[in-house]
N, C-alpha and C. Protein backbone atom coordinates (compact mmCIF):
# COMPACT_ATOMS: atom_id res chain seq x y z
N MET A 1 102.00 119.85 96.64
CA MET A 1 101.48 119.26 95.25
C MET A 1 102.09 118.11 95.56
N ARG A 2 103.33 117.61 95.65
CA ARG A 2 104.13 116.44 95.45
C ARG A 2 103.09 115.19 96.20
N LEU A 3 102.50 115.88 97.41
CA LEU A 3 102.03 114.92 98.23
C LEU A 3 100.84 114.43 97.42
N ARG A 4 100.02 115.34 96.83
CA ARG A 4 98.49 115.28 96.57
C ARG A 4 98.90 114.49 95.42
N HIS A 5 99.62 114.80 94.10
CA HIS A 5 99.96 114.09 93.13
C HIS A 5 100.31 112.43 93.41
N ALA A 6 100.86 112.20 94.74
CA ALA A 6 101.33 110.65 94.92
C ALA A 6 100.28 110.05 95.47
N LEU A 7 99.16 110.98 96.24
CA LEU A 7 98.23 110.15 96.95
C LEU A 7 97.05 109.99 95.34
N ALA A 8 97.56 110.57 94.66
CA ALA A 8 96.11 110.51 92.98
C ALA A 8 97.14 109.19 92.93
N ALA A 9 97.86 108.79 92.45
CA ALA A 9 97.93 107.93 91.21
C ALA A 9 98.18 106.54 92.70
N LEU A 10 98.26 106.50 93.56
CA LEU A 10 97.99 105.53 94.50
C LEU A 10 96.52 105.16 95.00
N ALA A 11 95.48 106.14 94.96
CA ALA A 11 93.79 105.95 94.89
C ALA A 11 93.81 105.42 93.46
N LEU A 12 94.70 105.39 92.12
CA LEU A 12 94.05 105.37 90.87
C LEU A 12 94.50 103.77 90.51
N GLY A 13 95.89 103.64 91.15
CA GLY A 13 96.20 102.07 91.12
C GLY A 13 95.68 101.30 92.07
N SER A 14 94.76 101.78 93.18
CA SER A 14 93.81 100.65 94.07
C SER A 14 92.44 100.74 93.97
N ALA A 15 92.24 101.56 93.21
CA ALA A 15 90.60 101.56 92.32
C ALA A 15 90.34 100.65 92.33
N LEU A 16 88.83 100.10 92.50
CA LEU A 16 88.53 98.91 91.75
C LEU A 16 87.26 100.01 90.74
N PRO A 17 86.47 99.37 89.36
CA PRO A 17 85.41 99.82 89.07
C PRO A 17 84.23 100.20 89.83
N LEU A 18 83.69 101.52 89.99
CA LEU A 18 82.67 101.48 91.06
C LEU A 18 81.24 100.82 90.67
N SER A 19 80.79 100.39 91.86
CA SER A 19 79.44 100.11 91.54
C SER A 19 78.18 101.07 92.03
N ALA A 20 76.79 100.49 92.26
CA ALA A 20 76.18 101.74 92.28
C ALA A 20 75.96 101.97 93.73
N ALA A 21 76.68 101.19 94.79
CA ALA A 21 76.57 101.66 95.89
C ALA A 21 77.90 102.59 96.16
N SER A 22 78.88 102.04 95.29
CA SER A 22 80.05 103.11 95.84
C SER A 22 80.14 104.44 95.84
N ARG A 23 81.04 105.01 96.62
CA ARG A 23 80.81 106.58 96.85
C ARG A 23 82.65 106.75 97.20
N VAL A 24 82.51 107.99 96.19
CA VAL A 24 84.11 108.57 96.40
C VAL A 24 84.11 109.72 97.45
N TYR A 25 84.96 109.82 98.62
CA TYR A 25 84.81 111.69 99.62
C TYR A 25 86.66 111.21 99.35
N VAL A 26 86.64 112.49 100.23
CA VAL A 26 87.58 113.47 100.27
C VAL A 26 87.76 113.70 100.86
N VAL A 27 89.26 113.45 102.08
CA VAL A 27 89.51 114.08 102.99
C VAL A 27 89.23 115.93 103.63
N ASP A 28 88.42 115.58 104.48
CA ASP A 28 88.42 117.41 104.80
C ASP A 28 88.79 117.67 106.19
N ALA A 29 90.35 118.03 105.83
CA ALA A 29 91.35 118.43 106.85
C ALA A 29 91.44 119.37 107.84
N ALA A 30 90.46 119.72 107.68
CA ALA A 30 89.99 120.72 108.70
C ALA A 30 89.44 120.30 110.19
N ALA A 31 88.37 119.32 109.44
CA ALA A 31 87.56 118.66 110.34
C ALA A 31 88.59 117.41 110.84
N SER A 32 89.71 117.13 110.35
CA SER A 32 90.20 115.67 110.86
C SER A 32 91.38 115.83 111.73
N SER A 33 91.84 114.75 112.03
CA SER A 33 92.88 114.74 113.07
C SER A 33 93.53 113.51 113.23
N LEU A 34 94.73 113.57 113.50
CA LEU A 34 96.29 112.69 113.68
C LEU A 34 96.71 112.26 114.82
N ARG A 35 96.78 111.91 115.84
CA ARG A 35 97.97 112.39 117.19
C ARG A 35 98.63 111.21 117.30
N VAL A 36 99.87 111.51 117.69
CA VAL A 36 101.07 110.09 117.70
C VAL A 36 101.24 110.66 120.03
N ARG A 37 101.71 109.02 120.32
CA ARG A 37 101.76 109.90 121.61
C ARG A 37 103.08 108.88 121.56
N VAL A 38 103.73 109.62 121.81
CA VAL A 38 105.19 108.82 122.27
C VAL A 38 106.10 108.96 123.46
N GLY A 39 105.73 107.58 123.78
CA GLY A 39 106.49 107.57 125.55
C GLY A 39 107.26 106.93 126.10
N LYS A 40 107.47 107.12 127.18
CA LYS A 40 109.47 106.83 127.26
C LYS A 40 109.16 105.27 127.94
N THR A 41 110.72 105.27 128.43
CA THR A 41 111.41 104.11 129.01
C THR A 41 112.53 103.99 129.49
N GLY A 42 112.69 102.69 130.00
CA GLY A 42 114.41 103.50 130.99
C GLY A 42 114.32 103.45 132.63
N VAL A 43 115.62 103.19 133.15
CA VAL A 43 115.37 103.26 134.71
C VAL A 43 114.74 104.54 134.94
N PHE A 44 114.75 105.74 134.56
CA PHE A 44 114.41 107.24 135.05
C PHE A 44 113.41 107.72 133.96
N SER A 45 112.70 106.62 133.20
CA SER A 45 111.46 106.97 132.56
C SER A 45 110.52 107.66 133.26
N PHE A 46 110.16 107.58 134.66
CA PHE A 46 109.21 108.33 135.60
C PHE A 46 109.38 109.71 135.62
N ALA A 47 110.65 110.22 135.11
CA ALA A 47 111.18 111.24 135.43
C ALA A 47 110.61 112.14 134.05
N GLY A 48 110.48 111.31 132.83
CA GLY A 48 109.89 111.75 131.79
C GLY A 48 108.98 112.18 131.37
N HIS A 49 108.03 112.26 130.41
CA HIS A 49 107.03 112.63 130.12
C HIS A 49 106.65 112.11 128.65
N THR A 50 104.96 111.80 128.24
CA THR A 50 104.62 111.38 126.35
C THR A 50 104.66 112.25 125.60
N HIS A 51 105.31 112.85 124.83
CA HIS A 51 105.32 114.04 123.55
C HIS A 51 103.96 113.55 123.04
N GLU A 52 103.18 114.85 122.79
CA GLU A 52 102.08 114.75 121.87
C GLU A 52 102.48 115.08 120.59
N VAL A 53 102.30 114.88 119.41
CA VAL A 53 102.52 114.82 118.07
C VAL A 53 100.75 114.92 117.38
N VAL A 54 100.79 116.05 116.26
CA VAL A 54 99.91 116.14 115.26
C VAL A 54 100.38 116.04 114.41
N ALA A 55 99.29 115.58 113.36
CA ALA A 55 99.74 115.56 111.84
C ALA A 55 99.04 116.59 111.24
N GLU A 56 99.30 117.57 110.73
CA GLU A 56 98.83 118.69 109.68
C GLU A 56 98.97 118.71 108.22
N ARG A 57 97.93 118.99 107.65
CA ARG A 57 97.47 119.06 106.53
C ARG A 57 97.52 117.49 105.89
N LEU A 58 96.31 116.94 106.74
CA LEU A 58 96.12 115.41 106.34
C LEU A 58 95.57 115.47 104.74
N GLU A 59 95.91 114.56 104.01
CA GLU A 59 94.72 114.39 102.66
C GLU A 59 94.69 112.80 102.34
N GLY A 60 93.38 112.75 101.31
CA GLY A 60 93.66 111.41 101.21
C GLY A 60 92.10 111.18 100.45
N ARG A 61 91.93 110.10 100.13
CA ARG A 61 90.79 109.59 99.34
C ARG A 61 90.07 108.55 99.61
N ILE A 62 88.43 108.11 99.95
CA ILE A 62 87.93 107.05 100.63
C ILE A 62 87.21 106.71 99.55
N GLU A 63 87.46 105.80 98.69
CA GLU A 63 86.04 104.85 97.73
C GLU A 63 85.13 104.03 99.05
N ALA A 64 84.20 104.00 98.94
CA ALA A 64 83.31 103.32 100.07
C ALA A 64 82.12 102.94 99.54
N ASP A 65 82.56 101.37 99.77
CA ASP A 65 81.00 100.47 99.08
C ASP A 65 80.45 99.56 100.38
N ALA A 66 78.93 100.38 100.61
CA ALA A 66 78.16 99.90 101.88
C ALA A 66 78.03 98.19 101.60
N ASP A 67 77.56 98.10 99.82
CA ASP A 67 77.02 96.69 99.69
C ASP A 67 77.48 95.81 99.72
N ASP A 68 79.09 96.42 99.49
CA ASP A 68 79.96 95.25 98.98
C ASP A 68 81.19 95.79 99.65
N LEU A 69 81.78 95.52 100.86
CA LEU A 69 83.13 96.20 101.87
C LEU A 69 84.07 96.14 101.27
N PRO A 70 84.63 94.60 101.05
CA PRO A 70 85.98 94.62 100.34
C PRO A 70 85.96 95.26 99.26
N ARG A 71 85.42 95.84 98.36
CA ARG A 71 85.44 96.79 97.13
C ARG A 71 86.18 98.23 97.46
N SER A 72 85.80 98.56 98.93
CA SER A 72 86.22 99.82 99.21
C SER A 72 87.62 100.27 99.10
N SER A 73 87.96 101.13 99.62
CA SER A 73 89.50 101.55 99.60
C SER A 73 89.73 102.73 100.23
N VAL A 74 91.16 103.13 100.49
CA VAL A 74 91.39 104.54 101.06
C VAL A 74 92.98 104.51 100.78
N ALA A 75 93.18 106.18 100.67
CA ALA A 75 94.75 106.39 100.63
C ALA A 75 94.78 107.62 101.54
N LEU A 76 95.61 107.85 102.00
CA LEU A 76 95.46 108.86 102.72
C LEU A 76 97.28 109.40 103.26
N GLY A 77 97.64 110.40 102.81
CA GLY A 77 99.21 110.88 103.50
C GLY A 77 99.00 112.36 104.07
N PHE A 78 100.36 112.75 104.40
CA PHE A 78 100.46 114.09 104.83
C PHE A 78 102.09 114.34 104.94
N GLU A 79 102.74 115.35 104.78
CA GLU A 79 104.00 115.77 104.55
C GLU A 79 104.94 115.05 106.22
N ALA A 80 105.94 114.88 106.55
CA ALA A 80 106.46 114.46 107.64
C ALA A 80 106.75 115.72 108.16
N SER A 81 107.33 116.61 107.48
CA SER A 81 107.51 118.32 108.05
C SER A 81 106.12 118.79 108.96
N GLY A 82 105.17 117.95 108.34
CA GLY A 82 103.74 118.42 108.98
C GLY A 82 103.31 117.71 110.34
N LEU A 83 104.20 117.45 110.82
CA LEU A 83 103.92 116.51 112.21
C LEU A 83 104.26 117.49 113.28
N LYS A 84 103.82 117.89 114.26
CA LYS A 84 103.75 119.01 114.79
C LYS A 84 104.05 118.60 116.64
N VAL A 85 105.15 118.87 116.92
CA VAL A 85 104.76 118.71 118.44
C VAL A 85 103.81 119.20 119.18
N LEU A 86 103.35 119.19 120.41
CA LEU A 86 102.57 120.44 121.05
C LEU A 86 103.14 120.72 122.21
N ALA A 87 103.00 121.88 122.37
CA ALA A 87 103.71 122.46 123.22
C ALA A 87 103.26 122.94 124.74
N GLY A 88 102.01 122.26 124.77
CA GLY A 88 101.26 122.01 126.17
C GLY A 88 101.83 120.79 126.70
N GLY A 89 102.24 119.59 126.02
CA GLY A 89 102.92 118.57 126.71
C GLY A 89 104.09 118.76 127.07
N GLU A 90 105.11 119.80 126.94
CA GLU A 90 106.16 119.90 126.88
C GLU A 90 106.96 120.74 128.28
N PRO A 91 108.21 120.73 128.67
CA PRO A 91 108.61 122.30 129.77
C PRO A 91 108.46 123.18 128.53
N ALA A 92 108.46 124.21 129.48
CA ALA A 92 108.49 125.30 128.80
C ALA A 92 109.42 125.51 127.80
N GLY A 93 109.62 125.94 126.71
CA GLY A 93 111.09 125.88 125.53
C GLY A 93 111.43 124.82 125.12
N ASP A 94 110.93 123.55 125.44
CA ASP A 94 111.48 122.04 124.57
C ASP A 94 110.96 121.79 123.17
N ALA A 95 109.37 122.26 123.05
CA ALA A 95 109.52 121.83 121.81
C ALA A 95 109.71 121.99 120.89
N PRO A 96 110.49 123.46 120.58
CA PRO A 96 110.77 123.38 119.29
C PRO A 96 112.16 122.52 119.14
N LYS A 97 112.79 122.37 120.31
CA LYS A 97 113.33 121.07 120.35
C LYS A 97 113.46 119.81 120.16
N VAL A 98 112.42 119.48 120.87
CA VAL A 98 111.53 118.09 120.54
C VAL A 98 111.58 118.17 118.57
N GLN A 99 110.39 118.64 118.67
CA GLN A 99 110.83 119.16 116.74
C GLN A 99 111.88 119.09 115.91
N ASP A 100 112.83 119.77 116.29
CA ASP A 100 113.98 119.38 115.14
C ASP A 100 114.40 118.41 115.43
N VAL A 101 114.59 117.39 116.45
CA VAL A 101 114.87 116.19 116.67
C VAL A 101 114.12 115.46 116.03
N MET A 102 112.79 115.22 116.08
CA MET A 102 111.51 114.84 115.06
C MET A 102 111.78 114.48 113.48
N THR A 103 111.80 115.85 113.31
CA THR A 103 111.86 115.45 111.93
C THR A 103 113.24 115.53 111.41
N GLY A 104 114.20 115.84 112.05
CA GLY A 104 115.99 115.81 111.66
C GLY A 104 116.24 114.16 111.27
N PRO A 105 117.40 114.37 111.08
CA PRO A 105 118.30 112.63 110.51
C PRO A 105 118.01 111.69 111.88
N LYS A 106 117.84 111.90 113.02
CA LYS A 106 118.17 110.84 114.15
C LYS A 106 116.61 110.44 113.69
N VAL A 107 115.53 110.83 113.65
CA VAL A 107 114.60 110.18 113.91
C VAL A 107 113.47 109.87 111.67
N LEU A 108 112.85 111.22 111.86
CA LEU A 108 111.95 110.99 110.64
C LEU A 108 112.68 111.48 109.13
N ASP A 109 113.78 112.07 109.33
CA ASP A 109 114.72 113.06 108.38
C ASP A 109 113.81 113.07 107.11
N ALA A 110 113.12 114.71 107.51
CA ALA A 110 111.58 114.64 106.28
C ALA A 110 112.19 115.24 105.19
N PRO A 111 113.83 115.80 105.15
CA PRO A 111 114.07 116.39 103.78
C PRO A 111 114.33 115.19 102.94
N ARG A 112 115.20 113.92 103.58
CA ARG A 112 115.49 112.98 102.87
C ARG A 112 113.80 111.97 102.51
N PHE A 113 113.26 111.87 103.06
CA PHE A 113 111.66 111.57 103.34
C PHE A 113 110.31 112.03 103.69
N PRO A 114 110.34 112.99 102.39
CA PRO A 114 109.24 114.23 103.17
C PRO A 114 107.54 113.70 103.23
N THR A 115 107.34 112.03 102.59
CA THR A 115 105.95 112.39 102.90
C THR A 115 105.92 110.63 103.69
N ILE A 116 104.27 110.71 104.27
CA ILE A 116 103.80 109.51 105.22
C ILE A 116 102.65 109.18 104.28
N SER A 117 103.06 108.05 103.82
CA SER A 117 101.11 107.63 103.22
C SER A 117 100.56 106.22 103.82
N PHE A 118 99.21 105.58 103.74
CA PHE A 118 98.76 104.68 103.65
C PHE A 118 98.21 104.54 102.46
N ARG A 119 98.21 103.27 102.10
CA ARG A 119 97.45 102.59 100.97
C ARG A 119 96.59 101.38 101.29
N SER A 120 95.24 101.60 101.18
CA SER A 120 94.81 100.22 101.60
C SER A 120 95.13 98.97 100.99
N ARG A 121 94.99 97.58 100.86
CA ARG A 121 95.15 96.94 100.26
C ARG A 121 94.04 95.31 99.88
N ALA A 122 93.18 95.69 101.39
CA ALA A 122 91.96 94.84 101.57
C ALA A 122 91.50 95.73 102.66
N VAL A 123 89.62 95.55 102.54
CA VAL A 123 88.91 96.04 103.82
C VAL A 123 87.64 94.67 103.98
N ALA A 124 87.92 94.29 105.35
CA ALA A 124 86.99 93.24 105.57
C ALA A 124 86.36 94.08 106.66
N GLY A 125 85.42 93.65 106.96
CA GLY A 125 84.32 93.90 108.31
C GLY A 125 82.61 93.44 108.42
N ARG A 126 82.16 94.49 109.12
CA ARG A 126 80.62 94.23 108.89
C ARG A 126 79.86 95.85 109.14
N ARG A 127 78.76 95.26 108.90
CA ARG A 127 77.99 96.35 109.05
C ARG A 127 77.41 96.70 110.69
N ALA A 128 77.81 97.49 111.90
CA ALA A 128 77.49 97.29 113.07
C ALA A 128 75.89 97.97 113.16
N ALA A 129 75.30 98.84 112.41
CA ALA A 129 73.96 99.38 112.85
C ALA A 129 73.39 100.08 111.45
N ASP A 130 72.39 101.17 111.49
CA ASP A 130 72.48 101.51 110.41
C ASP A 130 72.92 102.90 110.15
N GLY A 131 74.44 102.83 109.16
CA GLY A 131 74.86 103.90 108.95
C GLY A 131 76.64 103.62 110.24
N ALA A 132 76.47 102.46 110.56
CA ALA A 132 77.62 102.72 111.01
C ALA A 132 78.76 100.70 110.95
N TYR A 133 79.72 100.96 110.99
CA TYR A 133 80.16 99.91 110.53
C TYR A 133 81.23 99.26 110.84
N GLU A 134 82.10 98.34 111.53
CA GLU A 134 83.34 97.94 112.30
C GLU A 134 84.26 97.11 111.03
N LEU A 135 85.45 97.61 110.47
CA LEU A 135 86.05 97.38 109.98
C LEU A 135 87.64 96.75 110.22
N GLN A 136 87.97 96.16 109.36
CA GLN A 136 89.83 95.92 109.52
C GLN A 136 90.41 96.14 108.21
N VAL A 137 91.04 96.98 108.32
CA VAL A 137 91.58 97.81 106.88
C VAL A 137 93.15 96.90 106.77
N THR A 138 93.72 96.56 105.96
CA THR A 138 94.96 96.44 106.02
C THR A 138 95.62 96.93 104.74
N GLY A 139 96.47 97.17 104.72
CA GLY A 139 97.40 98.18 103.88
C GLY A 139 98.80 98.58 104.03
N ASP A 140 99.37 99.26 103.15
CA ASP A 140 100.97 99.85 103.11
C ASP A 140 100.96 100.96 103.98
N LEU A 141 102.10 100.88 104.69
CA LEU A 141 102.33 102.18 105.49
C LEU A 141 104.10 102.48 105.22
N ALA A 142 103.96 103.72 104.64
CA ALA A 142 105.37 103.78 103.54
C ALA A 142 105.65 105.69 104.36
N LEU A 143 106.83 104.89 105.26
CA LEU A 143 107.54 105.99 106.60
C LEU A 143 109.02 105.74 106.89
N HIS A 144 109.53 106.65 106.24
CA HIS A 144 111.38 107.12 106.35
C HIS A 144 111.62 106.21 105.53
N GLY A 145 111.16 105.83 103.98
CA GLY A 145 111.67 104.87 103.38
C GLY A 145 111.31 103.64 103.30
N VAL A 146 110.83 102.90 104.02
CA VAL A 146 110.53 101.73 104.39
C VAL A 146 108.87 101.44 104.35
N THR A 147 108.56 100.30 103.64
CA THR A 147 106.82 100.13 103.32
C THR A 147 106.86 98.62 104.41
N ARG A 148 105.81 99.05 105.10
CA ARG A 148 105.43 97.85 105.92
C ARG A 148 103.60 97.81 106.04
N THR A 149 103.30 96.39 105.84
CA THR A 149 101.62 95.99 105.51
C THR A 149 101.69 96.31 107.07
N MET A 150 100.14 96.66 107.22
CA MET A 150 99.77 96.32 108.44
C MET A 150 98.09 96.45 108.85
N THR A 151 97.24 95.95 109.92
CA THR A 151 95.99 95.95 109.38
C THR A 151 95.57 97.13 110.81
N ILE A 152 94.57 97.38 110.39
CA ILE A 152 94.15 98.92 111.73
C ILE A 152 92.92 98.88 112.01
N PRO A 153 91.81 98.52 112.82
CA PRO A 153 90.77 98.10 113.15
C PRO A 153 90.21 99.63 113.16
N VAL A 154 89.19 99.61 112.18
CA VAL A 154 88.46 101.52 111.91
C VAL A 154 87.04 101.21 112.23
N HIS A 155 86.47 102.33 113.41
CA HIS A 155 84.53 102.10 113.17
C HIS A 155 84.33 103.18 112.22
N VAL A 156 83.51 103.46 111.59
CA VAL A 156 83.18 104.13 110.48
C VAL A 156 81.74 104.30 110.57
N GLU A 157 81.23 105.46 110.40
CA GLU A 157 79.91 106.07 110.46
C GLU A 157 79.73 106.71 109.45
N VAL A 158 78.57 106.66 108.56
CA VAL A 158 77.90 107.76 107.77
C VAL A 158 77.08 107.76 107.86
N ALA A 159 76.83 109.65 108.08
CA ALA A 159 75.73 110.34 108.63
C ALA A 159 75.04 111.50 107.44
N GLY A 160 74.44 111.23 106.31
CA GLY A 160 74.15 112.37 105.36
C GLY A 160 75.39 111.99 104.65
N ALA A 161 75.70 113.45 104.07
CA ALA A 161 77.14 113.30 103.13
C ALA A 161 78.40 112.96 103.65
N THR A 162 78.40 112.80 105.02
CA THR A 162 79.67 113.03 105.58
C THR A 162 80.49 111.44 106.60
N LEU A 163 81.20 110.78 105.78
CA LEU A 163 82.18 110.00 106.69
C LEU A 163 82.97 110.01 107.59
N THR A 164 82.61 109.93 108.36
CA THR A 164 84.00 109.83 109.61
C THR A 164 84.43 108.10 109.97
N ALA A 165 85.85 108.05 110.23
CA ALA A 165 86.41 107.13 110.46
C ALA A 165 86.96 107.11 111.65
N THR A 166 87.55 106.49 112.71
CA THR A 166 88.44 106.45 114.08
C THR A 166 88.49 105.21 114.38
N GLY A 167 89.94 105.41 115.25
CA GLY A 167 90.68 103.87 115.54
C GLY A 167 91.71 104.75 116.21
N ARG A 168 92.60 103.30 116.16
CA ARG A 168 94.02 103.41 117.01
C ARG A 168 94.58 102.36 116.25
N ALA A 169 96.43 103.11 116.04
CA ALA A 169 97.03 101.59 116.09
C ALA A 169 98.57 102.28 116.63
N THR A 170 99.03 100.80 116.58
CA THR A 170 100.37 101.22 116.77
C THR A 170 101.37 100.91 116.14
N VAL A 171 102.73 101.68 115.84
CA VAL A 171 103.56 101.88 114.96
C VAL A 171 105.07 101.01 115.47
N ALA A 172 105.81 100.27 115.26
CA ALA A 172 107.19 100.25 116.46
C ALA A 172 108.47 100.89 115.00
N GLN A 173 108.71 102.09 115.88
CA GLN A 173 110.00 102.38 115.33
C GLN A 173 110.73 101.60 114.28
N ARG A 174 111.59 100.89 114.85
CA ARG A 174 112.37 100.26 114.94
C ARG A 174 112.29 99.13 113.41
N ALA A 175 110.81 99.36 112.91
CA ALA A 175 110.30 98.48 112.10
C ALA A 175 110.24 99.27 110.33
N PHE A 176 110.65 100.79 110.64
CA PHE A 176 110.89 101.53 109.78
C PHE A 176 112.30 102.04 109.63
N GLY A 177 112.98 101.36 110.39
CA GLY A 177 114.86 101.76 110.31
C GLY A 177 114.73 103.15 111.22
N ILE A 178 114.25 103.72 112.00
CA ILE A 178 114.40 104.92 113.35
C ILE A 178 114.84 104.34 114.53
N GLU A 179 115.72 104.37 115.06
CA GLU A 179 116.10 104.04 116.13
C GLU A 179 115.51 104.84 117.38
N PRO A 180 114.80 104.73 118.23
CA PRO A 180 114.41 105.24 119.36
C PRO A 180 115.08 106.15 120.13
N VAL A 181 115.46 107.35 119.88
CA VAL A 181 115.98 108.43 120.67
C VAL A 181 116.41 108.30 122.11
N SER A 182 117.69 108.85 122.44
CA SER A 182 117.58 108.35 124.31
C SER A 182 118.41 109.63 124.72
N ALA A 183 118.14 109.60 126.02
CA ALA A 183 118.59 110.57 126.66
C ALA A 183 119.21 110.67 128.15
N GLY A 184 120.31 110.78 128.94
CA GLY A 184 120.94 110.94 130.11
C GLY A 184 121.60 109.22 130.08
N GLY A 185 122.64 109.11 128.71
CA GLY A 185 123.40 107.68 128.65
C GLY A 185 122.32 106.52 128.66
N GLY A 186 121.36 106.62 128.00
CA GLY A 186 120.02 105.58 128.15
C GLY A 186 119.18 105.48 129.02
N THR A 187 118.94 106.36 130.28
CA THR A 187 118.13 105.79 131.39
C THR A 187 117.06 106.37 130.85
N VAL A 188 116.84 107.34 129.90
CA VAL A 188 115.65 107.51 129.39
C VAL A 188 115.67 107.61 128.14
N LYS A 189 115.09 107.18 127.44
CA LYS A 189 114.51 106.90 126.16
C LYS A 189 113.11 106.95 125.30
N VAL A 190 113.19 107.22 124.11
CA VAL A 190 111.34 106.78 123.71
C VAL A 190 111.42 105.50 123.39
N LYS A 191 110.26 104.85 123.53
CA LYS A 191 109.88 104.01 123.62
C LYS A 191 109.64 103.50 122.16
N ASP A 192 109.98 102.39 121.45
CA ASP A 192 110.05 101.76 120.30
C ASP A 192 108.70 101.99 119.75
N GLU A 193 107.58 101.24 120.13
CA GLU A 193 106.37 101.83 120.19
C GLU A 193 105.91 102.78 119.95
N VAL A 194 105.06 103.57 118.52
CA VAL A 194 104.34 104.47 119.40
C VAL A 194 102.60 104.61 118.71
N GLY A 195 101.77 104.92 119.82
CA GLY A 195 100.16 105.29 119.53
C GLY A 195 100.23 106.34 118.69
N ILE A 196 99.12 105.71 118.02
CA ILE A 196 98.26 106.77 116.62
C ILE A 196 97.00 106.14 117.12
N ASP A 197 96.01 108.05 117.03
CA ASP A 197 94.84 107.73 117.49
C ASP A 197 94.63 108.78 116.16
N PHE A 198 92.97 108.44 115.41
CA PHE A 198 92.94 109.09 114.29
C PHE A 198 91.34 109.28 114.76
N ARG A 199 91.06 110.95 113.73
CA ARG A 199 89.57 110.80 113.23
C ARG A 199 89.79 111.52 112.07
N ILE A 200 89.39 110.84 110.91
CA ILE A 200 89.39 111.21 110.03
C ILE A 200 87.83 111.87 109.14
N VAL A 201 87.71 112.88 109.04
CA VAL A 201 86.57 113.12 108.22
C VAL A 201 86.50 113.51 106.81
N ALA A 202 85.74 112.66 106.13
CA ALA A 202 85.79 112.87 104.75
C ALA A 202 84.06 113.30 103.83
N ARG A 203 84.21 113.98 102.71
CA ARG A 203 82.87 114.49 102.24
C ARG A 203 83.12 113.90 100.97
N PRO A 204 81.62 114.02 100.37
CA PRO A 204 81.81 113.69 98.69
C PRO A 204 82.59 113.95 98.13
N LYS A 205 83.31 113.83 97.15
CA LYS A 205 84.02 114.15 95.94
C LYS A 205 83.54 115.41 94.85
């Protein structure tokens, strides 16, 4: 409920008056996905593996204006505790340990910083085909008590009453005050930059 209220405030704060072509969409959490890939570096990084993490309970609101793309806006977010380590990519029994480290004080510190959110500042791009758009979305990512502005390339398709946005982004942990964790005296450690792949499905409010 706290995240929902925060997203509503962000959406209201960034919303422009609706034009005739504007349409408001709400994120369908069950149909959407956000996956984080955390790689390894260091002398013995070949012995490590990539952690696969998914975000649960993704919420958000999108205002899309097909005739005036810069008038479009987006507000997305999820609970930091809703990030889950996939057991399939971990050695047997390791997923709960990785989960505890990720949400604990060394990384996300979820009790202190419970939400992760993105709020757009500007949208630019072009119509690539009928119902398809190639966009550059610039906005503020709030993570671990720090807010940074970033620009994300996004491919959007509108089919019937469904809007689908897909893309990939890279986030540097140190930019948000997170020191990548290490093991074996630093011979294996998590890369500073983590990759994020997303597929956001939204339907009319």
